[in-house]
Amino acid sequence: MQVGVVFPQIELGSDRGAVRAYAEAVDELGYRHLLAYDHVVGADPAVHQGWSGPYSISDPFHEPLVLFAYLAGFTDLELVSGIIIAPQRQTVLLAKQAAEVDVLSGGRLRLGIGLGWNRVEYEALGMEFSNRASRIVEQVALLRALWTTDSVTFEGRFHTVRGAGILPLPVQRPIPIWFGGTAPAALARIGRIADGWFPLVRFGADLERALEVVQSSAASAGRGPIPFEGRVSVGADLDRVARHLEGWRSVGATHVSLDTMRQGFTSVDQHITALRAAAPVALEGSTS
């Protein structure tokens, strides 16, 4: 099981030195990947009355692909978006940006994508919210074509590309596409077309049911088992960390990310100290 970290973006903010110190530290400690979330804009609760989203205009988010291009220059980490909200982005531009990160990192990008939940963000980016599930399926097909073919002609419901291509092509052809999502339709879609899954589902019956849907959908599509990545919050209780890591290992997770956000840490040094303390537990028997 490969062990990485969740980039604590809402707590590091715009401190470039903290971003670099964090990434260099987790790389040196032996963690294998860094996962970053995506939100282009936050909603203002003063304008959007009754706002109930987990993030708002007060929460800082680095743009993942720009962040990854920066990190690629001084770490050996696998760079993971968990997730980029693909349907609110132009697909050809997303293909180009992802290919560039893959080239600059020497093939270390894992592109996690998903539908998102924030109508305010879709509106701000000029994209339709209601048809995002249909569009993401078409996006996956077009992304893979653009990453593997010099000249692409693609006629879809939402995209038209005639004799065009991106250059340079990525190192990975195609770049792995992982999905978020927990709704039944999303789980079935993951089994059919995704290269991996981020299951934000609790241990127990819920996770077992979700895994069954994903893997049975994959089997029906003639595909092998879908890799998946767990997440473990890291605070002061290292016994809890060990139990949750073992839990993910026992259900067959191929990857896991340690998450230090929202644990009361107020500095980059505290995040690094927590991950240093967890490393002997987390990295024992992990794969590179």
Protein backbone atom coordinates (compact mmCIF):
# COMPACT_ATOMS: atom_id res chain seq x y z
CA MET A 1 0.00 0.00 0.00
CA GLN A 2 1.47 3.34 -1.10
CA VAL A 3 1.29 6.05 1.56
CA GLY A 4 1.18 9.78 0.83
CA VAL A 5 -0.21 12.98 2.31
CA VAL A 6 -3.03 15.47 1.81
CA PHE A 7 -1.66 18.95 1.18
CA PRO A 8 -3.06 21.15 4.01
CA GLN A 9 -3.86 24.05 1.72
CA ILE A 10 -6.46 25.80 3.84
CA GLU A 11 -3.90 26.11 6.66
CA LEU A 12 -0.74 26.97 4.70
CA GLY A 13 -2.38 29.72 2.66
CA SER A 14 -0.16 31.90 0.46
CA ASP A 15 3.13 31.32 2.26
CA ARG A 16 5.36 30.04 -0.55
CA GLY A 17 8.11 29.12 1.89
CA ALA A 18 5.70 27.00 3.91
CA VAL A 19 4.50 25.23 0.76
CA ARG A 20 8.04 24.34 -0.20
CA ALA A 21 9.09 23.36 3.32
CA TYR A 22 6.07 21.07 3.65
CA ALA A 23 6.63 19.33 0.30
CA GLU A 24 10.35 18.86 0.86
CA ALA A 25 9.74 17.47 4.34
CA VAL A 26 7.18 14.87 3.32
CA ASP A 27 9.39 13.81 0.41
CA GLU A 28 12.40 13.40 2.71
CA LEU A 29 10.32 11.46 5.26
CA GLY A 30 9.53 8.84 2.62
CA TYR A 31 5.91 9.61 1.79
CA ARG A 32 5.29 8.79 -1.86
CA HIS A 33 2.59 11.19 -3.04
CA LEU A 34 0.99 14.54 -2.33
CA LEU A 35 -2.74 14.99 -2.90
CA ALA A 36 -4.33 18.43 -3.37
CA TYR A 37 -7.97 19.51 -3.56
CA ASP A 38 -9.45 21.87 -6.16
CA HIS A 39 -11.68 24.92 -5.89
CA VAL A 40 -11.23 27.83 -8.28
CA VAL A 41 -13.47 30.25 -6.37
CA GLY A 42 -15.20 30.23 -3.02
CA ALA A 43 -18.73 31.39 -2.35
CA ASP A 44 -19.43 34.41 -0.16
CA PRO A 45 -21.98 33.40 2.54
CA ALA A 46 -23.00 37.05 2.90
CA VAL A 47 -24.25 36.94 -0.69
CA HIS A 48 -25.45 33.33 -0.81
CA GLN A 49 -27.80 33.21 2.15
CA GLY A 50 -28.04 29.84 3.87
CA TRP A 51 -24.68 28.71 2.46
CA SER A 52 -23.86 25.25 3.83
CA GLY A 53 -20.85 24.14 1.79
CA PRO A 54 -17.71 22.93 3.60
CA TYR A 55 -15.64 25.71 2.02
CA SER A 56 -16.28 29.39 1.40
CA ILE A 57 -14.57 32.54 0.19
CA SER A 58 -12.48 32.46 3.40
CA ASP A 59 -10.70 29.20 2.55
CA PRO A 60 -7.51 29.44 0.43
CA PHE A 61 -7.04 26.93 -2.39
CA HIS A 62 -3.95 26.64 -4.54
CA GLU A 63 -4.70 25.72 -8.16
CA PRO A 64 -3.56 22.07 -8.26
CA LEU A 65 -1.88 21.88 -11.65
CA VAL A 66 0.05 25.12 -11.16
CA LEU A 67 1.03 23.92 -7.68
CA PHE A 68 2.18 20.58 -9.11
CA ALA A 69 4.34 22.26 -11.76
CA TYR A 70 6.08 24.10 -8.91
CA LEU A 71 6.51 20.99 -6.75
CA ALA A 72 7.77 18.92 -9.69
CA GLY A 73 10.94 21.00 -9.74
CA PHE A 74 12.21 20.00 -6.30
CA THR A 75 10.46 16.81 -5.13
CA ASP A 76 10.15 13.22 -6.33
CA LEU A 77 6.56 12.94 -5.10
CA GLU A 78 3.73 11.57 -7.18
CA LEU A 79 1.37 14.52 -7.70
CA VAL A 80 -2.30 13.69 -7.21
CA SER A 81 -5.38 15.85 -7.70
CA GLY A 82 -8.06 14.66 -5.36
CA ILE A 83 -10.09 15.94 -7.13
CA ILE A 84 -10.09 18.46 -9.98
CA ILE A 85 -13.66 19.39 -10.89
CA ALA A 86 -13.36 18.51 -14.56
CA PRO A 87 -16.79 19.55 -15.94
CA GLN A 88 -16.28 23.16 -14.91
CA ARG A 89 -13.05 23.29 -16.94
CA GLN A 90 -12.40 23.33 -20.69
CA THR A 91 -11.42 19.78 -21.56
CA VAL A 92 -8.74 20.49 -24.16
CA LEU A 93 -7.08 23.05 -21.89
CA LEU A 94 -7.21 20.58 -18.99
CA ALA A 95 -5.56 17.96 -21.23
CA LYS A 96 -2.81 20.41 -22.15
CA GLN A 97 -2.15 21.52 -18.58
CA ALA A 98 -2.12 17.96 -17.26
CA ALA A 99 0.24 16.85 -20.03
CA GLU A 100 2.60 19.71 -19.17
CA VAL A 101 2.69 18.72 -15.48
CA ASP A 102 3.32 15.11 -16.48
CA VAL A 103 6.22 16.16 -18.71
CA LEU A 104 7.79 18.48 -16.13
CA SER A 105 7.47 15.86 -13.39
CA GLY A 106 8.78 12.99 -15.49
CA GLY A 107 5.47 11.11 -15.47
CA ARG A 108 4.41 11.63 -11.87
CA LEU A 109 0.86 12.97 -12.31
CA ARG A 110 -2.23 11.07 -11.20
CA LEU A 111 -5.27 13.07 -12.31
CA GLY A 112 -8.20 12.68 -9.95
CA ILE A 113 -11.40 14.22 -11.30
CA GLY A 114 -14.99 14.52 -10.17
CA LEU A 115 -18.28 16.37 -10.60
CA GLY A 116 -18.13 18.80 -7.69
CA TRP A 117 -21.06 20.17 -5.74
CA ASN A 118 -20.73 23.96 -5.91
CA ARG A 119 -23.21 25.64 -8.28
CA VAL A 120 -21.67 29.04 -7.49
CA GLU A 121 -18.33 27.89 -8.86
CA TYR A 122 -19.85 26.45 -12.04
CA GLU A 123 -21.70 29.70 -12.65
CA ALA A 124 -18.54 31.77 -12.13
CA LEU A 125 -16.67 29.63 -14.66
CA GLY A 126 -19.48 29.79 -17.23
CA MET A 127 -20.25 26.06 -17.16
CA GLU A 128 -23.56 24.23 -16.88
CA PHE A 129 -24.11 22.42 -13.57
CA SER A 130 -27.02 20.14 -14.48
CA ASN A 131 -25.34 18.07 -17.21
CA ARG A 132 -21.97 17.62 -15.53
CA ALA A 133 -22.28 13.83 -15.17
CA SER A 134 -22.82 13.34 -18.89
CA ARG A 135 -20.01 15.72 -19.74
CA ILE A 136 -17.43 14.06 -17.51
CA VAL A 137 -17.83 10.72 -19.33
CA GLU A 138 -17.18 12.44 -22.66
CA GLN A 139 -14.29 14.38 -21.11
CA VAL A 140 -12.52 11.16 -20.11
CA ALA A 141 -12.67 9.84 -23.66
CA LEU A 142 -11.37 13.10 -25.11
CA LEU A 143 -8.61 13.48 -22.51
CA ARG A 144 -7.29 10.01 -23.26
CA ALA A 145 -7.42 10.63 -27.00
CA LEU A 146 -5.51 13.91 -26.68
CA TRP A 147 -2.84 12.27 -24.49
CA THR A 148 -2.20 9.36 -26.84
CA THR A 149 -2.79 10.62 -30.40
CA ASP A 150 -0.92 13.22 -32.44
CA SER A 151 -3.99 14.38 -34.38
CA VAL A 152 -7.43 14.00 -32.80
CA THR A 153 -10.81 14.21 -34.47
CA PHE A 154 -13.59 13.90 -31.92
CA GLU A 155 -17.32 14.52 -32.41
CA GLY A 156 -19.33 14.31 -29.21
CA ARG A 157 -22.38 15.82 -27.62
CA PHE A 158 -20.35 18.49 -25.83
CA HIS A 159 -17.01 18.58 -27.66
CA THR A 160 -15.87 18.98 -31.24
CA VAL A 161 -12.20 18.62 -32.14
CA ARG A 162 -11.17 18.40 -35.80
CA GLY A 163 -7.64 17.37 -36.67
CA ALA A 164 -5.94 18.92 -33.64
CA GLY A 165 -3.46 17.73 -31.04
CA ILE A 166 -1.40 18.79 -28.07
CA LEU A 167 2.40 18.76 -28.00
CA PRO A 168 4.34 17.78 -26.02
CA LEU A 169 2.39 14.65 -25.25
CA PRO A 170 2.62 13.43 -21.64
CA VAL A 171 5.14 10.87 -20.45
CA GLN A 172 2.26 8.63 -19.36
CA ARG A 173 0.05 7.81 -22.33
CA PRO A 174 -2.55 8.10 -21.04
CA ILE A 175 -2.23 9.81 -17.66
CA PRO A 176 -4.11 7.77 -15.01
CA ILE A 177 -7.58 9.17 -14.32
CA TRP A 178 -9.01 8.52 -10.86
CA PHE A 179 -12.53 9.46 -9.79
CA GLY A 180 -14.18 10.71 -6.66
CA GLY A 181 -17.84 10.03 -6.00
CA THR A 182 -20.12 7.99 -3.78
CA ALA A 183 -23.57 8.07 -5.44
CA PRO A 184 -24.67 4.74 -6.98
CA ALA A 185 -24.47 6.12 -10.53
CA ALA A 186 -21.01 7.51 -9.83
CA LEU A 187 -19.80 4.18 -8.43
CA ALA A 188 -20.98 2.32 -11.52
CA ARG A 189 -19.32 4.92 -13.76
CA ILE A 190 -16.06 4.52 -11.82
CA GLY A 191 -16.09 0.79 -12.47
CA ARG A 192 -16.66 1.33 -16.19
CA ILE A 193 -14.14 4.04 -17.01
CA ALA A 194 -11.88 5.11 -14.11
CA ASP A 195 -8.32 4.00 -13.44
CA GLY A 196 -8.85 4.37 -9.68
CA TRP A 197 -11.20 5.65 -6.99
CA PHE A 198 -11.10 7.89 -3.92
CA PRO A 199 -13.74 6.32 -1.64
CA LEU A 200 -14.78 8.92 0.90
CA VAL A 201 -16.94 6.27 2.54
CA ARG A 202 -16.86 5.03 6.14
CA PHE A 203 -15.48 1.63 7.03
CA GLY A 204 -18.12 -1.05 7.39
CA ALA A 205 -21.23 -1.84 5.43
CA ASP A 206 -21.24 1.43 3.44
CA LEU A 207 -17.72 0.84 2.13
CA GLU A 208 -18.42 -2.82 1.43
CA ARG A 209 -21.50 -1.94 -0.62
CA ALA A 210 -19.67 0.78 -2.53
CA LEU A 211 -16.74 -1.51 -3.33
CA GLU A 212 -19.14 -4.16 -4.56
CA VAL A 213 -20.76 -1.72 -6.99
CA VAL A 214 -17.41 -0.43 -8.28
CA GLN A 215 -15.80 -3.83 -8.74
CA SER A 216 -18.88 -5.55 -10.18
CA SER A 217 -19.27 -2.69 -12.67
CA ALA A 218 -15.61 -3.09 -13.63
CA ALA A 219 -16.04 -6.83 -14.09
CA SER A 220 -19.14 -6.30 -16.25
CA ALA A 221 -17.08 -3.97 -18.45
CA GLY A 222 -14.38 -6.63 -18.82
CA ARG A 223 -11.94 -4.76 -16.58
CA GLY A 224 -9.84 -5.87 -13.65
CA PRO A 225 -10.21 -4.66 -10.05
CA ILE A 226 -10.14 -0.89 -9.63
CA PRO A 227 -7.40 0.46 -7.31
CA PHE A 228 -8.60 2.75 -4.54
CA GLU A 229 -7.14 5.17 -2.01
CA GLY A 230 -8.15 5.63 1.60
CA ARG A 231 -7.68 8.66 3.81
CA VAL A 232 -6.60 8.82 7.45
CA SER A 233 -6.77 11.90 9.68
CA VAL A 234 -3.57 12.45 11.67
CA GLY A 235 -3.61 14.17 15.04
CA ALA A 236 -2.08 13.22 18.35
CA ASP A 237 -3.56 9.69 18.55
CA LEU A 238 -1.11 7.50 16.65
CA ASP A 239 -2.84 4.31 17.77
CA ARG A 240 -5.90 5.51 15.89
CA VAL A 241 -3.76 6.20 12.82
CA ALA A 242 -2.35 2.67 12.99
CA ARG A 243 -5.84 1.15 13.30
CA HIS A 244 -7.20 3.10 10.34
CA LEU A 245 -4.19 2.28 8.19
CA GLU A 246 -4.66 -1.39 8.96
CA GLY A 247 -8.35 -1.03 8.18
CA TRP A 248 -7.63 0.31 4.70
CA ARG A 249 -5.00 -2.35 4.15
CA SER A 250 -7.43 -5.08 5.19
CA VAL A 251 -10.04 -4.03 2.60
CA GLY A 252 -7.47 -3.99 -0.20
CA ALA A 253 -6.66 -0.29 -0.59
CA THR A 254 -3.71 0.25 -2.90
CA HIS A 255 -3.01 3.78 -1.63
CA VAL A 256 -3.72 5.88 1.45
CA SER A 257 -3.20 9.56 2.26
CA LEU A 258 -2.55 11.00 5.70
CA ASP A 259 -4.51 14.20 6.34
CA THR A 260 -3.38 16.73 8.97
CA MET A 261 -5.95 19.43 8.13
CA ARG A 262 -8.48 20.53 10.73
CA GLN A 263 -6.46 18.99 13.57
CA GLY A 264 -5.67 22.29 15.28
CA PHE A 265 -2.24 22.78 13.70
CA THR A 266 -1.41 26.45 13.16
CA SER A 267 1.97 26.27 11.44
CA VAL A 268 3.71 24.27 8.75
CA ASP A 269 6.12 22.97 11.40
CA GLN A 270 3.24 21.42 13.33
CA HIS A 271 1.95 19.65 10.21
CA ILE A 272 5.43 18.31 9.49
CA THR A 273 5.93 17.23 13.12
CA ALA A 274 2.67 15.26 13.02
CA LEU A 275 3.67 13.50 9.80
CA ARG A 276 7.15 12.78 11.17
CA ALA A 277 5.61 11.18 14.26
CA ALA A 278 3.25 9.11 12.09
CA ALA A 279 5.93 8.00 9.61
CA PRO A 280 7.19 4.91 11.53
CA VAL A 281 3.62 3.62 11.76
CA ALA A 282 2.49 4.69 8.30
CA LEU A 283 5.48 3.79 6.18
CA GLU A 284 6.31 0.38 7.64
CA GLY A 285 5.63 -2.10 4.87
CA SER A 286 4.45 0.58 2.45
CA THR A 287 5.33 0.38 -1.25
CA SER A 288 7.13 2.94 -3.36
